[in-house]
Protein backbone atom coordinates (compact mmCIF):
# COMPACT_ATOMS: atom_id res chain seq x y z
CA MET A 1 6.35 -0.08 22.37
CA LYS A 2 2.82 1.64 22.01
CA VAL A 3 2.32 1.96 18.69
CA PHE A 4 -0.39 4.92 16.99
CA VAL A 5 -1.37 3.31 13.85
CA VAL A 6 -3.56 5.49 11.65
CA GLY A 7 -5.97 3.39 9.18
CA ALA A 8 -6.16 0.60 11.39
CA SER A 9 -8.78 -0.83 9.89
CA GLY A 10 -7.96 -0.98 6.12
CA ALA A 11 -6.57 -3.54 4.03
CA ILE A 12 -2.96 -3.30 5.41
CA GLY A 13 -3.76 -2.00 8.95
CA SER A 14 -5.92 -5.18 9.92
CA ARG A 15 -3.00 -7.41 8.62
CA LEU A 16 -0.76 -5.05 10.66
CA VAL A 17 -2.54 -4.90 14.25
CA PRO A 18 -2.18 -8.76 15.14
CA GLN A 19 1.53 -8.76 13.69
CA LEU A 20 1.82 -5.91 16.46
CA ILE A 21 0.20 -7.35 18.98
CA GLU A 22 1.97 -11.07 18.60
CA ARG A 23 5.43 -8.99 18.92
CA GLY A 24 4.16 -7.70 22.29
CA HIS A 25 3.33 -3.93 21.32
CA GLU A 26 0.16 -2.32 22.17
CA VAL A 27 -1.26 -0.74 19.75
CA ILE A 28 -3.72 2.26 19.76
CA GLY A 29 -5.56 2.00 15.98
CA THR A 30 -7.83 4.72 14.48
CA CYS A 31 -10.70 4.47 11.99
CA HIS A 32 -12.64 6.95 10.20
CA SER A 33 -15.79 5.49 11.04
CA PRO A 34 -17.22 4.48 14.15
CA ASP A 35 -18.59 1.24 12.41
CA ARG A 36 -14.95 0.05 12.34
CA VAL A 37 -14.60 0.41 16.16
CA GLU A 38 -15.78 -3.33 17.06
CA ARG A 39 -13.89 -4.51 14.13
CA LEU A 40 -10.24 -2.61 15.41
CA ARG A 41 -11.36 -4.11 18.75
CA ALA A 42 -11.54 -7.61 17.57
CA LEU A 43 -8.14 -7.20 15.99
CA GLY A 44 -6.63 -6.42 19.39
CA ALA A 45 -6.25 -2.55 19.25
CA GLU A 46 -7.59 0.15 21.07
CA PRO A 47 -9.74 1.80 18.98
CA LEU A 48 -10.32 5.58 18.62
CA VAL A 49 -12.43 7.19 15.74
CA LEU A 50 -10.32 10.21 14.29
CA ASP A 51 -9.91 12.51 11.04
CA ALA A 52 -6.66 12.19 9.90
CA LEU A 53 -7.13 15.53 7.91
CA ASP A 54 -8.14 17.11 11.08
CA ALA A 55 -5.01 18.49 11.95
CA ARG A 56 -6.16 20.03 15.70
CA ALA A 57 -7.76 16.54 16.10
CA VAL A 58 -4.79 14.49 15.52
CA GLY A 59 -2.46 16.77 17.42
CA GLU A 60 -5.18 16.39 20.92
CA THR A 61 -4.92 12.62 20.33
CA VAL A 62 -1.10 12.24 19.61
CA ALA A 63 -0.60 14.18 22.63
CA ARG A 64 -2.99 12.05 24.89
CA VAL A 65 -2.13 8.89 23.64
CA ARG A 66 1.71 9.87 23.91
CA PRO A 67 3.07 6.54 21.80
CA ASP A 68 6.35 5.63 21.39
CA ALA A 69 5.77 5.21 17.53
CA VAL A 70 3.42 6.38 14.89
CA VAL A 71 2.34 3.98 11.79
CA HIS A 72 0.62 6.19 9.10
CA GLN A 73 -1.44 3.55 6.82
CA ALA A 74 -4.75 6.11 5.95
CA THR A 75 -5.71 6.15 2.81
CA ALA A 76 -9.12 6.13 1.17
CA LEU A 77 -8.45 4.05 -1.38
CA ALA A 78 -11.79 1.75 -1.65
CA ASP A 79 -14.05 1.40 -4.52
CA LEU A 80 -11.40 3.07 -7.00
CA SER A 81 -12.60 2.39 -10.40
CA ASP A 82 -11.94 5.67 -12.92
CA PHE A 83 -7.91 5.08 -13.25
CA LYS A 84 -9.18 7.25 -16.66
CA HIS A 85 -9.04 10.37 -14.56
CA PHE A 86 -6.20 9.18 -12.07
CA ASP A 87 -5.81 12.30 -9.92
CA ARG A 88 -9.29 12.59 -9.37
CA SER A 89 -10.18 9.09 -7.72
CA PHE A 90 -6.41 9.95 -5.83
CA ALA A 91 -7.57 12.96 -4.52
CA GLU A 92 -8.55 12.27 -1.15
CA THR A 93 -5.47 9.68 -0.26
CA ASN A 94 -3.33 12.64 -1.94
CA ARG A 95 -4.66 15.03 0.72
CA LEU A 96 -4.02 12.08 3.40
CA ARG A 97 -0.47 11.80 1.93
CA THR A 98 -0.18 15.24 2.35
CA GLU A 99 -1.89 17.16 4.66
CA GLY A 100 -2.35 14.06 6.83
CA THR A 101 1.30 13.69 7.05
CA ASP A 102 2.10 17.24 7.74
CA ALA A 103 -0.51 16.84 10.54
CA LEU A 104 1.12 13.53 12.10
CA LEU A 105 4.59 14.66 11.92
CA LYS A 106 3.79 17.71 13.67
CA ALA A 107 1.72 15.69 16.38
CA ALA A 108 4.95 13.29 16.56
CA ARG A 109 7.36 15.65 17.03
CA ASP A 110 4.93 17.91 19.28
CA ALA A 111 4.41 14.67 21.69
CA ARG A 112 8.53 13.55 20.82
CA VAL A 113 7.55 10.56 19.27
CA ARG A 114 10.79 8.47 18.59
CA ARG A 115 9.93 6.53 15.87
CA PHE A 116 7.49 7.21 12.33
CA VAL A 117 6.60 5.14 9.78
CA ALA A 118 4.43 5.66 6.67
CA GLN A 119 2.89 4.37 3.59
CA SER A 120 4.18 5.04 0.22
CA TYR A 121 4.05 3.28 -3.36
CA ALA A 122 7.07 1.56 -5.54
CA SER A 123 5.16 0.82 -9.09
CA ALA A 124 5.04 2.90 -11.65
CA ARG A 125 6.89 5.66 -10.21
CA TYR A 126 10.45 5.31 -11.26
CA ALA A 127 12.06 6.88 -14.29
CA ARG A 128 11.02 5.12 -16.99
CA VAL A 129 14.45 4.71 -18.94
CA GLY A 130 17.40 1.83 -18.44
CA GLY A 131 16.47 -1.71 -16.80
CA PRO A 132 13.31 -3.00 -15.74
CA VAL A 133 13.97 -3.19 -12.09
CA LYS A 134 14.85 0.16 -10.12
CA THR A 135 16.36 0.63 -6.38
CA GLU A 136 15.66 3.19 -3.92
CA GLU A 137 18.46 5.06 -5.31
CA ASP A 138 17.13 5.04 -8.86
CA PRO A 139 15.63 8.42 -10.07
CA LEU A 140 11.68 8.70 -10.11
CA ASP A 141 9.98 9.79 -13.21
CA PRO A 142 10.69 13.12 -14.16
CA VAL A 143 7.93 13.50 -16.20
CA PRO A 144 4.95 11.59 -15.59
CA PRO A 145 1.71 10.94 -17.33
CA PRO A 146 -0.26 14.60 -17.03
CA ALA A 147 -3.42 12.34 -15.65
CA MET A 148 -1.35 10.88 -12.65
CA ARG A 149 0.88 13.87 -11.77
CA GLU A 150 -0.50 15.11 -8.41
CA THR A 151 -1.12 11.51 -7.45
CA LEU A 152 2.87 11.12 -7.99
CA ALA A 153 3.83 14.60 -6.53
CA ALA A 154 1.66 13.65 -2.96
CA MET A 155 3.75 10.23 -3.21
CA GLN A 156 7.06 12.27 -3.14
CA TYR A 157 5.87 14.56 -0.57
CA LEU A 158 5.48 12.20 2.09
CA ASP A 159 8.57 10.05 1.16
CA GLN A 160 10.37 13.61 1.78
CA ALA A 161 8.90 15.08 4.28
CA VAL A 162 9.17 11.64 6.30
CA THR A 163 12.68 10.98 5.81
CA GLU A 164 13.37 14.56 6.78
CA ALA A 165 11.77 14.22 9.81
CA GLY A 166 13.98 11.29 10.93
CA GLY A 167 11.14 8.67 9.42
CA ILE A 168 10.98 5.53 7.11
CA ALA A 169 8.98 5.83 4.08
CA LEU A 170 7.39 2.21 2.71
CA ARG A 171 6.81 1.60 -0.99
CA TYR A 172 5.02 -0.70 -1.14
CA GLY A 173 4.11 -2.70 -4.68
CA THR A 174 0.74 -3.18 -6.16
CA PHE A 175 -1.51 -4.98 -3.16
CA TYR A 176 -2.90 -8.42 -3.55
CA GLY A 177 -4.94 -10.61 -0.84
CA ALA A 178 -7.39 -8.90 0.47
CA GLY A 179 -10.16 -10.34 -2.27
CA ASN A 180 -11.73 -6.74 -2.32
CA GLU A 181 -8.92 -4.51 -3.71
CA GLY A 182 -10.21 -4.19 -6.82
CA LEU A 183 -8.34 -6.43 -8.70
CA VAL A 184 -9.77 -9.49 -9.54
CA GLU A 185 -13.43 -8.41 -10.68
CA PRO A 186 -12.19 -6.20 -13.80
CA VAL A 187 -9.98 -9.49 -14.48
CA ARG A 188 -13.02 -12.04 -14.70
CA ARG A 189 -15.09 -9.62 -16.41
CA ARG A 190 -12.04 -9.20 -19.23
CA GLN A 191 -12.08 -5.28 -18.57
CA PHE A 192 -8.70 -5.41 -18.13
CA PRO A 193 -6.39 -5.78 -21.21
CA ILE A 194 -3.00 -6.67 -22.10
CA ILE A 195 -2.05 -2.78 -23.22
CA GLY A 196 0.01 -2.67 -26.58
CA ASN A 197 3.61 -4.92 -26.26
CA GLY A 198 2.40 -5.35 -22.31
CA ALA A 199 6.24 -4.44 -21.12
CA GLY A 200 4.87 -2.46 -18.36
CA VAL A 201 6.58 -3.87 -14.58
CA THR A 202 4.52 -4.07 -12.24
CA SER A 203 5.72 -4.54 -8.30
CA PHE A 204 3.45 -6.51 -6.17
CA ILE A 205 3.26 -7.30 -2.40
CA GLU A 206 0.97 -9.70 -0.41
CA LEU A 207 -0.97 -7.87 2.51
CA GLY A 208 0.38 -9.93 4.99
CA ASP A 209 3.88 -9.58 3.91
CA ALA A 210 3.40 -5.81 3.73
CA ALA A 211 2.36 -5.87 7.25
CA ALA A 212 5.34 -8.18 8.51
CA ALA A 213 8.01 -5.76 6.58
CA THR A 214 5.81 -3.04 8.63
CA VAL A 215 6.68 -4.02 11.45
CA LEU A 216 10.68 -5.18 10.99
CA ALA A 217 11.11 -1.51 9.73
CA LEU A 218 9.36 -0.19 12.82
CA GLU A 219 11.50 -2.12 15.40
CA HIS A 220 14.97 -1.75 13.70
CA GLY A 221 14.59 0.60 10.27
CA LYS A 222 17.31 3.39 9.86
CA PRO A 223 15.54 6.52 8.81
CA GLY A 224 15.01 6.49 4.91
CA VAL A 225 13.34 4.77 1.82
CA TYR A 226 12.16 0.91 1.49
CA ASN A 227 11.04 -0.94 -1.19
CA ILE A 228 8.50 -3.70 0.08
CA VAL A 229 8.12 -5.78 -3.19
CA ASP A 230 8.04 -9.11 -3.71
CA ASP A 231 11.22 -11.07 -5.85
CA GLU A 232 9.78 -11.43 -8.87
CA PRO A 233 8.74 -7.59 -10.80
CA ALA A 234 7.19 -9.12 -13.72
CA PRO A 235 5.56 -7.45 -17.04
CA LEU A 236 1.52 -6.72 -17.61
CA ARG A 237 1.64 -9.40 -20.67
CA VAL A 238 3.16 -11.80 -18.04
CA TRP A 239 1.30 -11.47 -14.76
CA LEU A 240 -2.34 -10.82 -15.91
CA PRO A 241 -2.89 -14.02 -18.12
CA GLU A 242 -1.58 -15.86 -14.85
CA LEU A 243 -4.00 -14.30 -12.74
CA ALA A 244 -6.65 -14.95 -15.03
CA LYS A 245 -6.19 -18.46 -15.24
CA VAL A 246 -5.81 -18.57 -11.17
CA ILE A 247 -9.37 -17.09 -11.39
CA GLY A 248 -10.73 -19.02 -14.03
CA SER A 249 -11.36 -16.33 -16.10
CA PRO A 250 -10.77 -16.34 -19.98
CA PRO A 251 -7.46 -15.15 -20.88
CA PRO A 252 -7.44 -11.59 -21.07
CA ARG A 253 -7.87 -9.17 -24.19
CA HIS A 254 -5.12 -7.41 -25.86
CA PHE A 255 -6.12 -3.49 -26.85
CA PRO A 256 -3.75 -1.04 -28.84
CA ARG A 257 -2.25 1.92 -26.99
CA TRP A 258 -4.32 4.09 -29.29
CA LEU A 259 -7.44 2.22 -28.03
CA ALA A 260 -6.67 1.57 -24.02
CA ARG A 261 -5.72 5.60 -24.07
CA LEU A 262 -9.41 6.02 -25.56
CA PHE A 263 -10.92 4.21 -23.20
CA ALA A 264 -8.81 4.09 -20.08
CA GLY A 265 -6.70 7.03 -20.31
CA GLY A 266 -2.95 7.85 -20.71
CA ALA A 267 -1.94 6.77 -17.27
CA LEU A 268 -2.98 3.12 -17.32
CA VAL A 269 -1.35 2.85 -20.99
CA VAL A 270 2.40 4.49 -19.54
CA MET A 271 2.01 1.97 -16.47
CA GLY A 272 0.67 -1.13 -18.65
CA THR A 273 3.70 -0.76 -21.17
CA GLU A 274 6.22 1.27 -19.96
CA SER A 275 6.47 1.46 -15.90
CA ARG A 276 9.27 -0.48 -14.31
CA GLY A 277 9.51 -2.35 -10.99
CA ALA A 278 11.30 -2.04 -7.73
CA SER A 279 14.03 -3.97 -6.05
CA ASN A 280 13.33 -5.48 -2.35
CA ALA A 281 17.57 -5.98 -2.05
CA LYS A 282 17.53 -3.17 0.74
CA ALA A 283 14.71 -4.35 2.83
CA LYS A 284 15.81 -8.08 2.85
CA ARG A 285 19.26 -6.93 3.95
CA GLU A 286 18.80 -3.71 5.98
CA LEU A 287 15.41 -5.11 7.95
CA GLY A 288 15.90 -9.05 7.30
CA TRP A 289 12.67 -9.16 5.66
CA MET A 290 11.78 -12.46 3.66
CA PRO A 291 8.74 -12.16 2.48
CA ARG A 292 6.22 -15.64 2.87
CA PHE A 293 5.04 -15.51 -1.00
CA PRO A 294 8.77 -14.60 -2.79
CA SER A 295 6.63 -14.39 -6.19
CA TRP A 296 2.71 -13.43 -7.27
CA ARG A 297 2.99 -16.85 -8.39
CA GLN A 298 2.22 -18.08 -5.22
CA GLY A 299 0.37 -15.44 -3.83
CA PHE A 300 -2.07 -15.39 -6.18
CA VAL A 301 -2.87 -18.47 -5.82
CA ASP A 302 -2.83 -18.35 -2.14
CA ALA A 303 -5.16 -15.49 -2.16
CA TYR A 304 -7.35 -16.15 -5.31
CA ALA A 305 -7.62 -20.05 -5.79
CA ASN A 306 -9.42 -20.07 -2.17
CA PRO A 307 -12.20 -16.64 -2.45
CA SER A 308 -13.42 -17.22 1.42
CA LYS A 309 -9.74 -17.26 2.87
CA ALA A 310 -8.81 -13.85 1.17
CA ALA A 311 -12.42 -12.25 2.73
CA ALA A 312 -11.12 -13.56 6.08
CA VAL A 313 -10.57 -10.99 9.01
CA PRO A 314 -7.21 -11.15 10.32
CA VAL A 315 -7.68 -11.89 14.13
CA ALA A 316 -5.08 -10.80 17.26
CA PRO A 317 -4.54 -14.20 19.26
CA GLY A 318 -7.10 -15.44 21.62
CA ARG A 319 -9.57 -13.32 20.00
CA LYS A 320 -12.55 -13.75 18.41
CA VAL A 321 -14.30 -11.77 15.30
CA ALA A 322 -17.03 -9.90 16.48
CA ALA A 323 -19.66 -10.09 13.78
CA GLU A 324 -19.81 -6.89 11.59
């Protein structure tokens, strides 16, 4: 297929492009900044600079490219640090998940694109009742923390708009493996505490595994929602000390809920104490997907015990990485 990847230079896009090319697909990849063009070319994609929030430009570009498939990976998640003001930090990404999704769906419909896959999210979205692990059929949180209501609403908007249009929404777990995703440094500095009982469950996914699942969804997934997570959803009190150990950091601090709420805000308190994880059974069953790292335990070691590996830029077969 000719695949139009929006956000191709990002953490997951840069891993997705070489895998698509290796499977024989032609990739046209977009980036928001001209300084990413050479990186996309090194990955093997035909690069285009595009503002995914410019509906007219999106429509004209898709009409000109006439792809067989669109993959929506556009986010603005770099350098996130202020989780106390959660919705404010995610404001640009929320627009990409609403306005950007609308623009891409309209462009795809007008160009008669037959496949559409979009990035969504799994962790901290399911209702905080019942068991610790949820399937795609389980209800989402009806009363999310006030600080993240706009962000969760934007995710739900994307899920609904994409699936109603006959596309696929991939609810990825929390990404790791890029080396700059903002997970490691706060742990290294002991700025990431275990909150309260630490019972909030997180589902993780290594970026290369997420890309592999995306390829399979694109090639033969049925319309709908899929959780793309590893096999071991884990409470904060379990995974955070293990990550600290892998990176050679002292054990994390423990904060009571009231203190964490004061410094970090209500959203992180709920995520650290009450959130549910996600099941990957549907993705395994229907996509034939098996993560290379079944658990974050092996994945953290692979990604963070060798920092230079995490910082490496993926490359398409037979190509060299251009100097950045």
